Amino acid sequence: MRAVSRDLCGGFDKSRKKLREKKGPYFEKYVKNMIGKAIKGATDFKCNIMVKSPPSKEVVWEIDVGFVFQGILFLVDAKHWYKQIKYFLAEGTSISSRLSDLESLLDAEDRKLKRYQRIVAKIWNEHLVAGAICLMCTEDVEFVGSFDRKWWLQTGEYPRICLVGELIRYLQSENLASLYDHPEFVRFQRS
């Protein structure tokens, strides 16, 4: 029976991959458009920015969406991953694995920002931007397994792995000055 179902669904994996490849740019555009419409002071939107290593000119980081709001550069990794059925059945290892994957990705974004901050500052107008923070917008609500400040824009209220609507509500309701003290906020060096 399994062999029959694999044969019947064999093309599904290929078409799912194609859908995922097409869906990425659409979701990134959706994130940009939603924030652009809802946040009147947001400026300098850029999408699909390729950060290149200075000596080799090799792409070392792709920034999905970036924008400036109240002097802070927000770098958004737009994720649209499908969840496994086990996740919806509250199977512990599936939830734990997904959370670990998302946190690892956000950690990697934070490391890239610290490493390539001068390049990123030049891409955006470094004289108008005090610094930057990375976050991740997802299509579905994601579980945040810790109240550690690292994972939150505002602890317990607005996570750094969030829905677009959550980010918009945060930007509309919060005085962003508290982000300057965030452990993952990278203050730009003035050249």
Foldseek 3Di string as FASTA:
>chain_A
DVVVVCVVCVCVVVVVVVCQVVVQLVQLVVLVVVLVVLPVQKDDKDAQDFQADVPPRHGDDTFGIWIDHPQEIEGEDEDEDDQDVVVVVVPPVSLVVVLVVQVVVQVVVLVVCVVCVVSVCVVPVVVSHFWYAYAYAYPDDHDDDDQPLQQAQDGPQGGSHYHSVSVSCCSVPDDNPVVVVRPSTDTDDDD
